[in-house]
Amino acid sequence: MSESQLWDAVDDYFTAHLSPDDEALQATLRDSEAAELPSVAVTAPQGKLLHLLAVIQGARNILEIGTLGGYSTIWLARALPSDGHLVSLEYSPKHAEVATRNIARAGLEKVVDVRVGPALESLPHLADENPAPFDLVFIDADKANNPHYVEWALKLTSAGSLIIVDNVVRGGRVADAADTAPDVRGTRAAIELIGSHPRLSGTAIQTVGSKGYDGFLLARVLA
């Protein structure tokens, strides 16, 4: 068995016992694949982790940057109370259309607000609405803009909020100073911003699994 096959087997075992997909989640993945969306959604164990973090956080308001087909959106939205709210920002109209159908099928259309357009244009409009501080922000969009997304997350949260940045390992490239690709530079900038910011305390964890070698960053807003 190869290393990647072993990772897949372990993920399958964890999924079967700890985070089994139901029909709505399975259909979300099927419809996303049928619509030829990129195969970059979080895995079931990662989705369950997002769900548990939102529950532990006692989140009532969640901001997601990067909707894709709505798979992670559903995991997060299911952690909200009946009067909770999730705003998800998606660049692609096609992705947003698929996600909106998937979210409605999961019975979450009254909880989730999918907004279409570049996130760096949507975020100022969202801020102008003066929303209640978001308890959790999940950043999983174009990696080159990660530092800008973290800055906006700070503006839209308050002390005790949790910021999650996905895909920060980049297959190990994040530690290669010679790699100047936009995704790596953006990820490094976000990590270094969080590490030096007086209002943030964070850490990053490396992972292996069905999505290969990667990881995520967690940061708590201090003030």
N, C-alpha and C. Protein backbone atom coordinates (compact mmCIF):
# COMPACT_ATOMS: atom_id res chain seq x y z
N MET A 1 0.85 -1.20 0.00
CA MET A 1 0.00 0.00 0.00
C MET A 1 0.88 1.25 0.00
N SER A 2 0.62 2.16 -0.93
CA SER A 2 1.41 3.39 -0.98
C SER A 2 1.03 4.31 0.17
N GLU A 3 1.85 5.34 0.37
CA GLU A 3 1.59 6.30 1.44
C GLU A 3 0.24 6.99 1.24
N SER A 4 -0.06 7.41 0.01
CA SER A 4 -1.33 8.09 -0.25
C SER A 4 -2.51 7.15 -0.07
N GLN A 5 -2.35 5.89 -0.45
CA GLN A 5 -3.42 4.91 -0.23
C GLN A 5 -3.67 4.69 1.25
N LEU A 6 -2.60 4.69 2.04
CA LEU A 6 -2.74 4.55 3.49
C LEU A 6 -3.49 5.74 4.06
N TRP A 7 -3.13 6.95 3.62
CA TRP A 7 -3.83 8.15 4.11
C TRP A 7 -5.32 8.06 3.78
N ASP A 8 -5.63 7.63 2.56
CA ASP A 8 -7.03 7.49 2.15
C ASP A 8 -7.75 6.48 3.03
N ALA A 9 -7.10 5.37 3.32
CA ALA A 9 -7.73 4.33 4.13
C ALA A 9 -8.03 4.82 5.53
N VAL A 10 -7.09 5.56 6.10
CA VAL A 10 -7.31 6.10 7.44
C VAL A 10 -8.44 7.12 7.43
N ASP A 11 -8.45 8.00 6.42
CA ASP A 11 -9.54 8.96 6.30
C ASP A 11 -10.89 8.24 6.18
N ASP A 12 -10.93 7.17 5.39
CA ASP A 12 -12.18 6.41 5.23
C ASP A 12 -12.62 5.81 6.57
N TYR A 13 -11.65 5.32 7.34
CA TYR A 13 -11.98 4.74 8.65
C TYR A 13 -12.53 5.81 9.59
N PHE A 14 -11.85 6.96 9.66
CA PHE A 14 -12.32 8.05 10.51
C PHE A 14 -13.72 8.51 10.07
N THR A 15 -13.91 8.63 8.76
CA THR A 15 -15.20 9.09 8.25
C THR A 15 -16.32 8.13 8.64
N ALA A 16 -16.07 6.84 8.47
CA ALA A 16 -17.10 5.84 8.75
C ALA A 16 -17.54 5.86 10.20
N HIS A 17 -16.61 6.10 11.10
CA HIS A 17 -16.92 6.00 12.53
C HIS A 17 -17.20 7.34 13.20
N LEU A 18 -16.69 8.44 12.66
CA LEU A 18 -16.78 9.72 13.36
C LEU A 18 -17.51 10.81 12.59
N SER A 19 -17.51 10.76 11.27
CA SER A 19 -18.12 11.85 10.50
C SER A 19 -18.77 11.35 9.23
N PRO A 20 -19.68 10.37 9.35
CA PRO A 20 -20.29 9.82 8.14
C PRO A 20 -21.12 10.87 7.40
N ASP A 21 -20.97 10.91 6.09
CA ASP A 21 -21.78 11.81 5.27
C ASP A 21 -23.23 11.32 5.24
N ASP A 22 -24.19 12.24 5.32
CA ASP A 22 -25.57 11.88 5.08
C ASP A 22 -25.90 12.18 3.62
N GLU A 23 -27.14 11.98 3.23
CA GLU A 23 -27.51 12.12 1.82
C GLU A 23 -27.28 13.54 1.31
N ALA A 24 -27.57 14.55 2.13
CA ALA A 24 -27.40 15.93 1.68
C ALA A 24 -25.93 16.23 1.39
N LEU A 25 -25.05 15.75 2.24
CA LEU A 25 -23.62 15.98 2.04
C LEU A 25 -23.10 15.18 0.84
N GLN A 26 -23.54 13.93 0.74
CA GLN A 26 -23.12 13.11 -0.40
C GLN A 26 -23.61 13.71 -1.72
N ALA A 27 -24.84 14.19 -1.72
CA ALA A 27 -25.39 14.81 -2.93
C ALA A 27 -24.66 16.09 -3.28
N THR A 28 -24.22 16.82 -2.27
CA THR A 28 -23.44 18.03 -2.51
C THR A 28 -22.16 17.71 -3.26
N LEU A 29 -21.48 16.67 -2.84
CA LEU A 29 -20.25 16.27 -3.52
C LEU A 29 -20.54 15.74 -4.92
N ARG A 30 -21.60 14.96 -5.06
CA ARG A 30 -21.95 14.43 -6.38
C ARG A 30 -22.29 15.55 -7.36
N ASP A 31 -23.11 16.50 -6.91
CA ASP A 31 -23.53 17.58 -7.80
C ASP A 31 -22.37 18.51 -8.11
N SER A 32 -21.48 18.70 -7.16
CA SER A 32 -20.30 19.53 -7.41
C SER A 32 -19.41 18.89 -8.46
N GLU A 33 -19.25 17.58 -8.37
CA GLU A 33 -18.44 16.87 -9.37
C GLU A 33 -19.12 16.91 -10.74
N ALA A 34 -20.43 16.70 -10.75
CA ALA A 34 -21.17 16.71 -12.02
C ALA A 34 -21.08 18.07 -12.71
N ALA A 35 -21.02 19.13 -11.90
CA ALA A 35 -20.91 20.49 -12.44
C ALA A 35 -19.47 20.86 -12.77
N GLU A 36 -18.56 19.91 -12.56
CA GLU A 36 -17.13 20.09 -12.86
C GLU A 36 -16.50 21.20 -12.03
N LEU A 37 -16.95 21.31 -10.77
CA LEU A 37 -16.28 22.22 -9.85
C LEU A 37 -14.93 21.62 -9.45
N PRO A 38 -13.95 22.44 -9.10
CA PRO A 38 -12.66 21.89 -8.66
C PRO A 38 -12.84 20.94 -7.48
N SER A 39 -12.09 19.86 -7.49
CA SER A 39 -12.20 18.86 -6.42
C SER A 39 -11.31 19.24 -5.24
N VAL A 40 -11.68 20.34 -4.60
CA VAL A 40 -10.86 20.86 -3.51
C VAL A 40 -11.66 21.09 -2.23
N ALA A 41 -12.88 20.54 -2.16
CA ALA A 41 -13.66 20.69 -0.94
C ALA A 41 -12.96 20.00 0.23
N VAL A 42 -13.26 20.45 1.43
CA VAL A 42 -12.70 19.79 2.61
C VAL A 42 -13.18 18.34 2.64
N THR A 43 -12.43 17.48 3.32
CA THR A 43 -12.85 16.10 3.51
C THR A 43 -13.91 16.04 4.61
N ALA A 44 -14.56 14.89 4.73
CA ALA A 44 -15.57 14.72 5.78
C ALA A 44 -14.98 14.93 7.19
N PRO A 45 -13.80 14.35 7.52
CA PRO A 45 -13.23 14.64 8.85
C PRO A 45 -12.92 16.12 9.05
N GLN A 46 -12.47 16.79 7.99
CA GLN A 46 -12.22 18.22 8.11
C GLN A 46 -13.52 19.00 8.28
N GLY A 47 -14.57 18.58 7.55
CA GLY A 47 -15.86 19.22 7.72
C GLY A 47 -16.39 19.05 9.13
N LYS A 48 -16.23 17.85 9.67
CA LYS A 48 -16.68 17.61 11.06
C LYS A 48 -15.86 18.45 12.03
N LEU A 49 -14.57 18.63 11.75
CA LEU A 49 -13.75 19.48 12.61
C LEU A 49 -14.28 20.92 12.58
N LEU A 50 -14.58 21.44 11.40
CA LEU A 50 -15.15 22.78 11.32
C LEU A 50 -16.45 22.87 12.13
N HIS A 51 -17.28 21.85 11.98
CA HIS A 51 -18.55 21.80 12.72
C HIS A 51 -18.31 21.85 14.23
N LEU A 52 -17.40 21.00 14.70
CA LEU A 52 -17.13 20.96 16.14
C LEU A 52 -16.52 22.26 16.65
N LEU A 53 -15.64 22.87 15.86
CA LEU A 53 -15.06 24.15 16.27
C LEU A 53 -16.14 25.21 16.39
N ALA A 54 -17.09 25.20 15.46
CA ALA A 54 -18.19 26.17 15.53
C ALA A 54 -19.06 25.91 16.76
N VAL A 55 -19.31 24.63 17.06
CA VAL A 55 -20.10 24.29 18.25
C VAL A 55 -19.36 24.70 19.52
N ILE A 56 -18.09 24.34 19.62
CA ILE A 56 -17.28 24.71 20.79
C ILE A 56 -17.24 26.22 20.96
N GLN A 57 -17.16 26.92 19.83
CA GLN A 57 -17.12 28.38 19.84
C GLN A 57 -18.46 28.98 20.27
N GLY A 58 -19.53 28.18 20.21
CA GLY A 58 -20.86 28.73 20.48
C GLY A 58 -21.26 29.74 19.42
N ALA A 59 -20.84 29.49 18.19
CA ALA A 59 -21.01 30.47 17.12
C ALA A 59 -22.48 30.71 16.80
N ARG A 60 -22.83 31.97 16.65
CA ARG A 60 -24.15 32.39 16.19
C ARG A 60 -24.07 33.05 14.81
N ASN A 61 -22.90 33.61 14.52
CA ASN A 61 -22.67 34.27 13.24
C ASN A 61 -21.35 33.78 12.67
N ILE A 62 -21.38 33.27 11.44
CA ILE A 62 -20.20 32.71 10.80
C ILE A 62 -20.00 33.39 9.45
N LEU A 63 -18.74 33.68 9.14
CA LEU A 63 -18.37 34.19 7.82
C LEU A 63 -17.47 33.16 7.15
N GLU A 64 -17.82 32.79 5.93
CA GLU A 64 -17.01 31.87 5.14
C GLU A 64 -16.56 32.61 3.88
N ILE A 65 -15.27 32.58 3.61
CA ILE A 65 -14.73 33.19 2.41
C ILE A 65 -14.30 32.06 1.48
N GLY A 66 -15.12 31.80 0.47
CA GLY A 66 -14.90 30.67 -0.45
C GLY A 66 -15.95 29.61 -0.23
N THR A 67 -17.00 29.61 -1.04
CA THR A 67 -18.12 28.69 -0.86
C THR A 67 -17.91 27.38 -1.61
N LEU A 68 -17.38 27.46 -2.84
CA LEU A 68 -17.27 26.33 -3.76
C LEU A 68 -18.67 25.70 -3.93
N GLY A 69 -18.83 24.41 -3.66
CA GLY A 69 -20.13 23.77 -3.83
C GLY A 69 -20.99 23.74 -2.59
N GLY A 70 -20.51 24.33 -1.50
CA GLY A 70 -21.30 24.43 -0.29
C GLY A 70 -21.09 23.31 0.71
N TYR A 71 -20.12 22.43 0.47
CA TYR A 71 -19.91 21.30 1.38
C TYR A 71 -19.48 21.76 2.77
N SER A 72 -18.44 22.58 2.84
CA SER A 72 -18.02 23.10 4.15
C SER A 72 -19.07 24.03 4.73
N THR A 73 -19.80 24.73 3.87
CA THR A 73 -20.86 25.63 4.32
C THR A 73 -21.91 24.85 5.10
N ILE A 74 -22.29 23.70 4.59
CA ILE A 74 -23.31 22.89 5.26
C ILE A 74 -22.81 22.40 6.62
N TRP A 75 -21.57 21.92 6.67
CA TRP A 75 -21.01 21.47 7.95
C TRP A 75 -21.04 22.61 8.97
N LEU A 76 -20.65 23.81 8.56
CA LEU A 76 -20.62 24.95 9.47
C LEU A 76 -22.03 25.40 9.86
N ALA A 77 -22.91 25.51 8.88
CA ALA A 77 -24.26 26.01 9.16
C ALA A 77 -25.02 25.09 10.10
N ARG A 78 -24.73 23.80 10.04
CA ARG A 78 -25.42 22.86 10.93
C ARG A 78 -25.02 23.03 12.39
N ALA A 79 -23.96 23.78 12.64
CA ALA A 79 -23.54 24.04 14.02
C ALA A 79 -24.26 25.23 14.63
N LEU A 80 -24.98 25.98 13.80
CA LEU A 80 -25.62 27.21 14.27
C LEU A 80 -26.94 26.94 14.98
N PRO A 81 -27.31 27.81 15.92
CA PRO A 81 -28.66 27.72 16.49
C PRO A 81 -29.70 28.13 15.45
N SER A 82 -30.97 27.95 15.77
CA SER A 82 -32.03 28.21 14.80
C SER A 82 -32.06 29.66 14.33
N ASP A 83 -31.59 30.57 15.17
CA ASP A 83 -31.56 31.99 14.79
C ASP A 83 -30.16 32.43 14.36
N GLY A 84 -29.27 31.46 14.08
CA GLY A 84 -27.92 31.80 13.65
C GLY A 84 -27.90 32.20 12.18
N HIS A 85 -26.73 32.66 11.74
CA HIS A 85 -26.61 33.17 10.37
C HIS A 85 -25.20 32.92 9.86
N LEU A 86 -25.11 32.52 8.60
CA LEU A 86 -23.82 32.30 7.95
C LEU A 86 -23.81 33.06 6.62
N VAL A 87 -22.80 33.89 6.44
CA VAL A 87 -22.58 34.59 5.18
C VAL A 87 -21.40 33.91 4.49
N SER A 88 -21.61 33.48 3.25
CA SER A 88 -20.55 32.82 2.49
C SER A 88 -20.30 33.60 1.21
N LEU A 89 -19.05 33.93 0.96
CA LEU A 89 -18.66 34.74 -0.20
C LEU A 89 -18.03 33.86 -1.25
N GLU A 90 -18.54 33.93 -2.48
CA GLU A 90 -18.06 33.10 -3.56
C GLU A 90 -17.82 33.93 -4.82
N TYR A 91 -16.64 33.79 -5.39
CA TYR A 91 -16.26 34.56 -6.57
C TYR A 91 -17.05 34.13 -7.81
N SER A 92 -17.22 32.83 -7.98
CA SER A 92 -17.77 32.29 -9.23
C SER A 92 -19.29 32.17 -9.18
N PRO A 93 -20.01 32.82 -10.12
CA PRO A 93 -21.47 32.64 -10.17
C PRO A 93 -21.87 31.17 -10.35
N LYS A 94 -21.11 30.43 -11.15
CA LYS A 94 -21.43 29.02 -11.36
C LYS A 94 -21.31 28.24 -10.05
N HIS A 95 -20.22 28.45 -9.33
CA HIS A 95 -20.05 27.76 -8.05
C HIS A 95 -21.17 28.14 -7.08
N ALA A 96 -21.50 29.42 -7.05
CA ALA A 96 -22.54 29.90 -6.12
C ALA A 96 -23.89 29.29 -6.45
N GLU A 97 -24.17 29.12 -7.73
CA GLU A 97 -25.45 28.52 -8.13
C GLU A 97 -25.53 27.07 -7.66
N VAL A 98 -24.45 26.31 -7.86
CA VAL A 98 -24.42 24.92 -7.38
C VAL A 98 -24.54 24.88 -5.87
N ALA A 99 -23.80 25.74 -5.19
CA ALA A 99 -23.82 25.76 -3.73
C ALA A 99 -25.21 26.11 -3.19
N THR A 100 -25.86 27.08 -3.82
CA THR A 100 -27.19 27.49 -3.35
C THR A 100 -28.18 26.34 -3.43
N ARG A 101 -28.12 25.57 -4.52
CA ARG A 101 -29.00 24.39 -4.63
C ARG A 101 -28.66 23.36 -3.56
N ASN A 102 -27.38 23.13 -3.34
CA ASN A 102 -26.98 22.14 -2.33
C ASN A 102 -27.40 22.57 -0.93
N ILE A 103 -27.25 23.84 -0.64
CA ILE A 103 -27.62 24.36 0.68
C ILE A 103 -29.13 24.26 0.90
N ALA A 104 -29.90 24.57 -0.15
CA ALA A 104 -31.37 24.47 -0.04
C ALA A 104 -31.79 23.02 0.19
N ARG A 105 -31.17 22.08 -0.52
CA ARG A 105 -31.50 20.67 -0.34
C ARG A 105 -31.22 20.22 1.09
N ALA A 106 -30.20 20.82 1.72
CA ALA A 106 -29.88 20.49 3.11
C ALA A 106 -30.79 21.20 4.10
N GLY A 107 -31.73 22.01 3.59
CA GLY A 107 -32.69 22.71 4.45
C GLY A 107 -32.10 23.90 5.18
N LEU A 108 -31.07 24.50 4.61
CA LEU A 108 -30.35 25.57 5.31
C LEU A 108 -30.44 26.91 4.59
N GLU A 109 -31.36 27.03 3.62
CA GLU A 109 -31.42 28.25 2.83
C GLU A 109 -31.80 29.48 3.65
N LYS A 110 -32.49 29.28 4.78
CA LYS A 110 -32.87 30.42 5.62
C LYS A 110 -31.74 30.84 6.57
N VAL A 111 -30.74 29.99 6.68
CA VAL A 111 -29.61 30.24 7.58
C VAL A 111 -28.42 30.82 6.82
N VAL A 112 -28.27 30.44 5.56
CA VAL A 112 -27.07 30.76 4.79
C VAL A 112 -27.38 31.82 3.73
N ASP A 113 -26.50 32.80 3.64
CA ASP A 113 -26.59 33.86 2.64
C ASP A 113 -25.34 33.78 1.77
N VAL A 114 -25.49 33.27 0.53
CA VAL A 114 -24.37 33.19 -0.40
C VAL A 114 -24.32 34.45 -1.23
N ARG A 115 -23.18 35.13 -1.20
CA ARG A 115 -23.02 36.37 -1.95
C ARG A 115 -21.96 36.18 -3.03
N VAL A 116 -22.28 36.64 -4.24
CA VAL A 116 -21.44 36.38 -5.40
C VAL A 116 -20.60 37.61 -5.75
N GLY A 117 -19.32 37.36 -6.04
CA GLY A 117 -18.42 38.42 -6.46
C GLY A 117 -17.09 38.28 -5.78
N PRO A 118 -16.09 39.04 -6.22
CA PRO A 118 -14.78 39.00 -5.56
C PRO A 118 -14.93 39.34 -4.08
N ALA A 119 -14.35 38.53 -3.22
CA ALA A 119 -14.52 38.73 -1.78
C ALA A 119 -14.01 40.10 -1.33
N LEU A 120 -12.95 40.58 -1.96
CA LEU A 120 -12.42 41.87 -1.54
C LEU A 120 -13.31 43.03 -1.95
N GLU A 121 -14.29 42.75 -2.80
CA GLU A 121 -15.33 43.74 -3.08
C GLU A 121 -16.55 43.52 -2.18
N SER A 122 -16.87 42.27 -1.89
CA SER A 122 -18.02 41.95 -1.05
C SER A 122 -17.79 42.33 0.40
N LEU A 123 -16.56 42.20 0.87
CA LEU A 123 -16.28 42.45 2.30
C LEU A 123 -16.54 43.89 2.71
N PRO A 124 -16.12 44.90 1.93
CA PRO A 124 -16.47 46.28 2.33
C PRO A 124 -17.98 46.51 2.39
N HIS A 125 -18.73 45.91 1.44
CA HIS A 125 -20.19 46.06 1.47
C HIS A 125 -20.77 45.40 2.72
N LEU A 126 -20.22 44.25 3.06
CA LEU A 126 -20.66 43.56 4.27
C LEU A 126 -20.37 44.41 5.50
N ALA A 127 -19.19 45.01 5.55
CA ALA A 127 -18.84 45.86 6.69
C ALA A 127 -19.77 47.07 6.79
N ASP A 128 -20.18 47.61 5.65
CA ASP A 128 -21.09 48.76 5.64
C ASP A 128 -22.44 48.42 6.26
N GLU A 129 -22.81 47.14 6.27
CA GLU A 129 -24.06 46.72 6.88
C GLU A 129 -23.99 46.69 8.41
N ASN A 130 -22.79 46.89 8.94
CA ASN A 130 -22.55 46.88 10.39
C ASN A 130 -23.12 45.62 11.05
N PRO A 131 -22.70 44.45 10.57
CA PRO A 131 -23.23 43.21 11.14
C PRO A 131 -22.69 42.98 12.56
N ALA A 132 -23.38 42.11 13.29
CA ALA A 132 -22.83 41.69 14.59
C ALA A 132 -21.49 41.01 14.34
N PRO A 133 -20.56 41.11 15.28
CA PRO A 133 -19.25 40.47 15.07
C PRO A 133 -19.41 38.98 14.76
N PHE A 134 -18.63 38.53 13.81
CA PHE A 134 -18.66 37.11 13.48
C PHE A 134 -17.88 36.33 14.53
N ASP A 135 -18.47 35.23 14.98
CA ASP A 135 -17.84 34.40 16.01
C ASP A 135 -16.78 33.49 15.42
N LEU A 136 -16.92 33.17 14.14
CA LEU A 136 -15.98 32.29 13.45
C LEU A 136 -15.88 32.73 12.00
N VAL A 137 -14.65 32.78 11.50
CA VAL A 137 -14.39 33.09 10.09
C VAL A 137 -13.57 31.95 9.51
N PHE A 138 -14.07 31.38 8.41
CA PHE A 138 -13.35 30.30 7.72
C PHE A 138 -12.88 30.84 6.38
N ILE A 139 -11.56 30.89 6.19
CA ILE A 139 -10.96 31.43 4.98
C ILE A 139 -10.45 30.29 4.12
N ASP A 140 -11.06 30.12 2.95
CA ASP A 140 -10.69 29.03 2.05
C ASP A 140 -10.95 29.47 0.61
N ALA A 141 -10.26 30.51 0.19
CA ALA A 141 -10.46 31.07 -1.15
C ALA A 141 -9.10 31.17 -1.84
N ASP A 142 -8.94 32.14 -2.73
CA ASP A 142 -7.66 32.30 -3.43
C ASP A 142 -6.57 32.67 -2.43
N LYS A 143 -5.52 31.90 -2.43
CA LYS A 143 -4.52 31.98 -1.37
C LYS A 143 -3.67 33.25 -1.45
N ALA A 144 -3.54 33.82 -2.64
CA ALA A 144 -2.74 35.03 -2.78
C ALA A 144 -3.29 36.17 -1.93
N ASN A 145 -4.60 36.17 -1.71
CA ASN A 145 -5.23 37.24 -0.94
C ASN A 145 -5.43 36.90 0.53
N ASN A 146 -4.84 35.82 1.00
CA ASN A 146 -5.03 35.42 2.39
C ASN A 146 -4.75 36.54 3.40
N PRO A 147 -3.66 37.31 3.26
CA PRO A 147 -3.43 38.36 4.27
C PRO A 147 -4.54 39.41 4.28
N HIS A 148 -5.08 39.72 3.10
CA HIS A 148 -6.18 40.69 3.04
C HIS A 148 -7.44 40.12 3.70
N TYR A 149 -7.66 38.82 3.51
CA TYR A 149 -8.82 38.20 4.15
C TYR A 149 -8.67 38.18 5.67
N VAL A 150 -7.47 37.94 6.15
CA VAL A 150 -7.24 37.96 7.59
C VAL A 150 -7.48 39.37 8.14
N GLU A 151 -7.02 40.38 7.43
CA GLU A 151 -7.23 41.76 7.87
C GLU A 151 -8.72 42.09 7.96
N TRP A 152 -9.48 41.64 6.95
CA TRP A 152 -10.92 41.87 6.99
C TRP A 152 -11.57 41.06 8.10
N ALA A 153 -11.09 39.86 8.33
CA ALA A 153 -11.64 39.05 9.42
C ALA A 153 -11.48 39.77 10.75
N LEU A 154 -10.34 40.42 10.93
CA LEU A 154 -10.12 41.18 12.17
C LEU A 154 -11.12 42.32 12.31
N LYS A 155 -11.43 42.97 11.20
CA LYS A 155 -12.37 44.09 11.24
C LYS A 155 -13.79 43.63 11.56
N LEU A 156 -14.10 42.39 11.24
CA LEU A 156 -15.47 41.90 11.35
C LEU A 156 -15.69 40.95 12.52
N THR A 157 -14.70 40.86 13.41
CA THR A 157 -14.81 39.99 14.58
C THR A 157 -14.57 40.81 15.84
N SER A 158 -14.59 40.15 16.97
CA SER A 158 -14.32 40.79 18.26
C SER A 158 -13.55 39.82 19.13
N ALA A 159 -13.19 40.24 20.32
CA ALA A 159 -12.42 39.40 21.23
C ALA A 159 -13.12 38.05 21.44
N GLY A 160 -12.36 36.98 21.29
CA GLY A 160 -12.89 35.64 21.45
C GLY A 160 -13.27 34.95 20.15
N SER A 161 -13.34 35.70 19.06
CA SER A 161 -13.67 35.09 17.77
C SER A 161 -12.54 34.19 17.30
N LEU A 162 -12.89 33.26 16.42
CA LEU A 162 -11.93 32.29 15.89
C LEU A 162 -11.81 32.48 14.38
N ILE A 163 -10.56 32.54 13.90
CA ILE A 163 -10.28 32.63 12.47
C ILE A 163 -9.56 31.35 12.04
N ILE A 164 -10.06 30.71 11.00
CA ILE A 164 -9.46 29.48 10.47
C ILE A 164 -9.02 29.75 9.04
N VAL A 165 -7.77 29.45 8.73
CA VAL A 165 -7.26 29.59 7.37
C VAL A 165 -6.88 28.21 6.87
N ASP A 166 -7.47 27.79 5.77
CA ASP A 166 -7.24 26.44 5.25
C ASP A 166 -6.07 26.42 4.26
N ASN A 167 -5.52 25.23 4.08
CA ASN A 167 -4.50 24.96 3.04
C ASN A 167 -3.23 25.80 3.21
N VAL A 168 -2.70 25.85 4.41
CA VAL A 168 -1.54 26.72 4.66
C VAL A 168 -0.20 26.02 4.45
N VAL A 169 -0.19 24.72 4.26
CA VAL A 169 1.08 24.02 4.10
C VAL A 169 1.54 24.02 2.64
N ARG A 170 0.55 23.99 1.73
CA ARG A 170 0.85 24.03 0.29
C ARG A 170 1.80 22.91 -0.12
N GLY A 171 1.57 21.71 0.42
CA GLY A 171 2.43 20.58 0.09
C GLY A 171 3.86 20.75 0.59
N GLY A 172 4.07 21.59 1.60
CA GLY A 172 5.40 21.85 2.15
C GLY A 172 6.07 23.06 1.54
N ARG A 173 5.48 23.62 0.50
CA ARG A 173 6.10 24.74 -0.19
C ARG A 173 6.16 25.99 0.67
N VAL A 174 5.29 26.08 1.69
CA VAL A 174 5.26 27.29 2.53
C VAL A 174 6.61 27.53 3.22
N ALA A 175 7.37 26.47 3.45
CA ALA A 175 8.66 26.61 4.15
C ALA A 175 9.83 26.83 3.19
N ASP A 176 9.56 26.86 1.90
CA ASP A 176 10.61 27.01 0.89
C ASP A 176 10.74 28.49 0.54
N ALA A 177 11.77 29.13 1.07
CA ALA A 177 11.95 30.57 0.84
C ALA A 177 12.15 30.91 -0.62
N ALA A 178 12.56 29.94 -1.42
CA ALA A 178 12.79 30.19 -2.84
C ALA A 178 11.51 30.13 -3.66
N ASP A 179 10.44 29.65 -3.06
CA ASP A 179 9.16 29.54 -3.77
C ASP A 179 8.42 30.87 -3.65
N THR A 180 8.28 31.55 -4.78
CA THR A 180 7.63 32.87 -4.76
C THR A 180 6.30 32.86 -5.50
N ALA A 181 5.68 31.69 -5.65
CA ALA A 181 4.38 31.61 -6.28
C ALA A 181 3.36 32.42 -5.47
N PRO A 182 2.38 33.03 -6.11
CA PRO A 182 1.42 33.88 -5.39
C PRO A 182 0.72 33.19 -4.24
N ASP A 183 0.35 31.91 -4.42
CA ASP A 183 -0.35 31.21 -3.34
C ASP A 183 0.54 31.04 -2.12
N VAL A 184 1.82 30.78 -2.36
CA VAL A 184 2.75 30.59 -1.24
C VAL A 184 3.07 31.92 -0.57
N ARG A 185 3.31 32.94 -1.38
CA ARG A 185 3.60 34.26 -0.81
C ARG A 185 2.41 34.78 0.01
N GLY A 186 1.19 34.58 -0.50
CA GLY A 186 0.01 35.03 0.23
C GLY A 186 -0.18 34.27 1.52
N THR A 187 0.08 32.98 1.48
CA THR A 187 -0.05 32.16 2.68
C THR A 187 0.98 32.55 3.72
N ARG A 188 2.23 32.74 3.28
CA ARG A 188 3.27 33.17 4.22
C ARG A 188 2.91 34.52 4.84
N ALA A 189 2.44 35.43 4.02
CA ALA A 189 2.10 36.76 4.52
C ALA A 189 1.01 36.68 5.59
N ALA A 190 0.03 35.80 5.37
CA ALA A 190 -1.03 35.64 6.36
C ALA A 190 -0.49 35.05 7.66
N ILE A 191 0.36 34.04 7.53
CA ILE A 191 0.96 33.42 8.72
C ILE A 191 1.79 34.43 9.50
N GLU A 192 2.59 35.19 8.78
CA GLU A 192 3.46 36.16 9.46
C GLU A 192 2.66 37.31 10.05
N LEU A 193 1.56 37.69 9.39
CA LEU A 193 0.67 38.71 9.96
C LEU A 193 0.07 38.23 11.27
N ILE A 194 -0.44 37.00 11.26
CA ILE A 194 -1.05 36.46 12.48
C ILE A 194 0.00 36.30 13.58
N GLY A 195 1.19 35.85 13.20
CA GLY A 195 2.23 35.64 14.21
C GLY A 195 2.72 36.91 14.87
N SER A 196 2.60 38.04 14.18
CA SER A 196 3.12 39.29 14.72
C SER A 196 2.04 40.25 15.21
N HIS A 197 0.78 39.91 14.96
CA HIS A 197 -0.30 40.86 15.28
C HIS A 197 -0.63 40.83 16.77
N PRO A 198 -0.71 41.98 17.43
CA PRO A 198 -0.97 41.99 18.87
C PRO A 198 -2.38 41.54 19.25
N ARG A 199 -3.29 41.52 18.28
CA ARG A 199 -4.67 41.11 18.58
C ARG A 199 -4.93 39.64 18.28
N LEU A 200 -3.90 38.91 17.86
CA LEU A 200 -4.12 37.53 17.43
C LEU A 200 -3.14 36.57 18.11
N SER A 201 -3.64 35.39 18.41
CA SER A 201 -2.79 34.29 18.88
C SER A 201 -3.14 33.08 18.03
N GLY A 202 -2.14 32.52 17.34
CA GLY A 202 -2.45 31.46 16.41
C GLY A 202 -1.45 30.32 16.41
N THR A 203 -1.84 29.25 15.75
CA THR A 203 -0.95 28.13 15.50
C THR A 203 -1.37 27.48 14.18
N ALA A 204 -0.48 26.67 13.62
CA ALA A 204 -0.78 25.95 12.39
C ALA A 204 -0.46 24.48 12.58
N ILE A 205 -1.26 23.64 11.95
CA ILE A 205 -1.13 22.19 12.09
C ILE A 205 -0.98 21.57 10.71
N GLN A 206 0.01 20.69 10.55
CA GLN A 206 0.17 19.93 9.31
C GLN A 206 -0.77 18.72 9.33
N THR A 207 -1.33 18.40 8.16
CA THR A 207 -2.21 17.24 8.06
C THR A 207 -1.84 16.40 6.84
N VAL A 208 -2.22 15.13 6.89
CA VAL A 208 -2.19 14.26 5.72
C VAL A 208 -3.56 13.60 5.62
N GLY A 209 -3.92 13.18 4.41
CA GLY A 209 -5.21 12.54 4.24
C GLY A 209 -5.59 12.47 2.79
N SER A 210 -6.89 12.38 2.53
CA SER A 210 -7.38 12.23 1.16
C SER A 210 -7.00 13.39 0.27
N LYS A 211 -6.75 14.55 0.86
CA LYS A 211 -6.34 15.73 0.08
C LYS A 211 -4.83 15.88 0.02
N GLY A 212 -4.10 14.86 0.45
CA GLY A 212 -2.65 14.90 0.40
C GLY A 212 -2.05 15.55 1.63
N TYR A 213 -0.94 16.23 1.43
CA TYR A 213 -0.18 16.85 2.52
C TYR A 213 -0.52 18.32 2.56
N ASP A 214 -1.11 18.76 3.67
CA ASP A 214 -1.48 20.17 3.78
C ASP A 214 -1.62 20.53 5.25
N GLY A 215 -2.55 21.42 5.58
CA GLY A 215 -2.73 21.83 6.96
C GLY A 215 -3.59 23.06 7.06
N PHE A 216 -3.82 23.51 8.30
CA PHE A 216 -4.69 24.66 8.52
C PHE A 216 -4.13 25.49 9.67
N LEU A 217 -4.59 26.71 9.75
CA LEU A 217 -4.16 27.65 10.79
C LEU A 217 -5.37 28.05 11.61
N LEU A 218 -5.19 28.12 12.92
CA LEU A 218 -6.22 28.61 13.84
C LEU A 218 -5.69 29.85 14.53
N ALA A 219 -6.51 30.89 14.62
CA ALA A 219 -6.12 32.10 15.33
C ALA A 219 -7.30 32.61 16.15
N ARG A 220 -7.03 32.96 17.39
CA ARG A 220 -8.05 33.52 18.27
C ARG A 220 -7.85 35.03 18.36
N VAL A 221 -8.93 35.76 18.24
CA VAL A 221 -8.88 37.22 18.38
C VAL A 221 -8.83 37.55 19.88
N LEU A 222 -7.81 38.30 20.26
CA LEU A 222 -7.58 38.58 21.69
C LEU A 222 -8.29 39.83 22.17
N ALA A 223 -8.43 40.81 21.31
CA ALA A 223 -9.02 42.08 21.75
C ALA A 223 -9.61 42.80 20.56
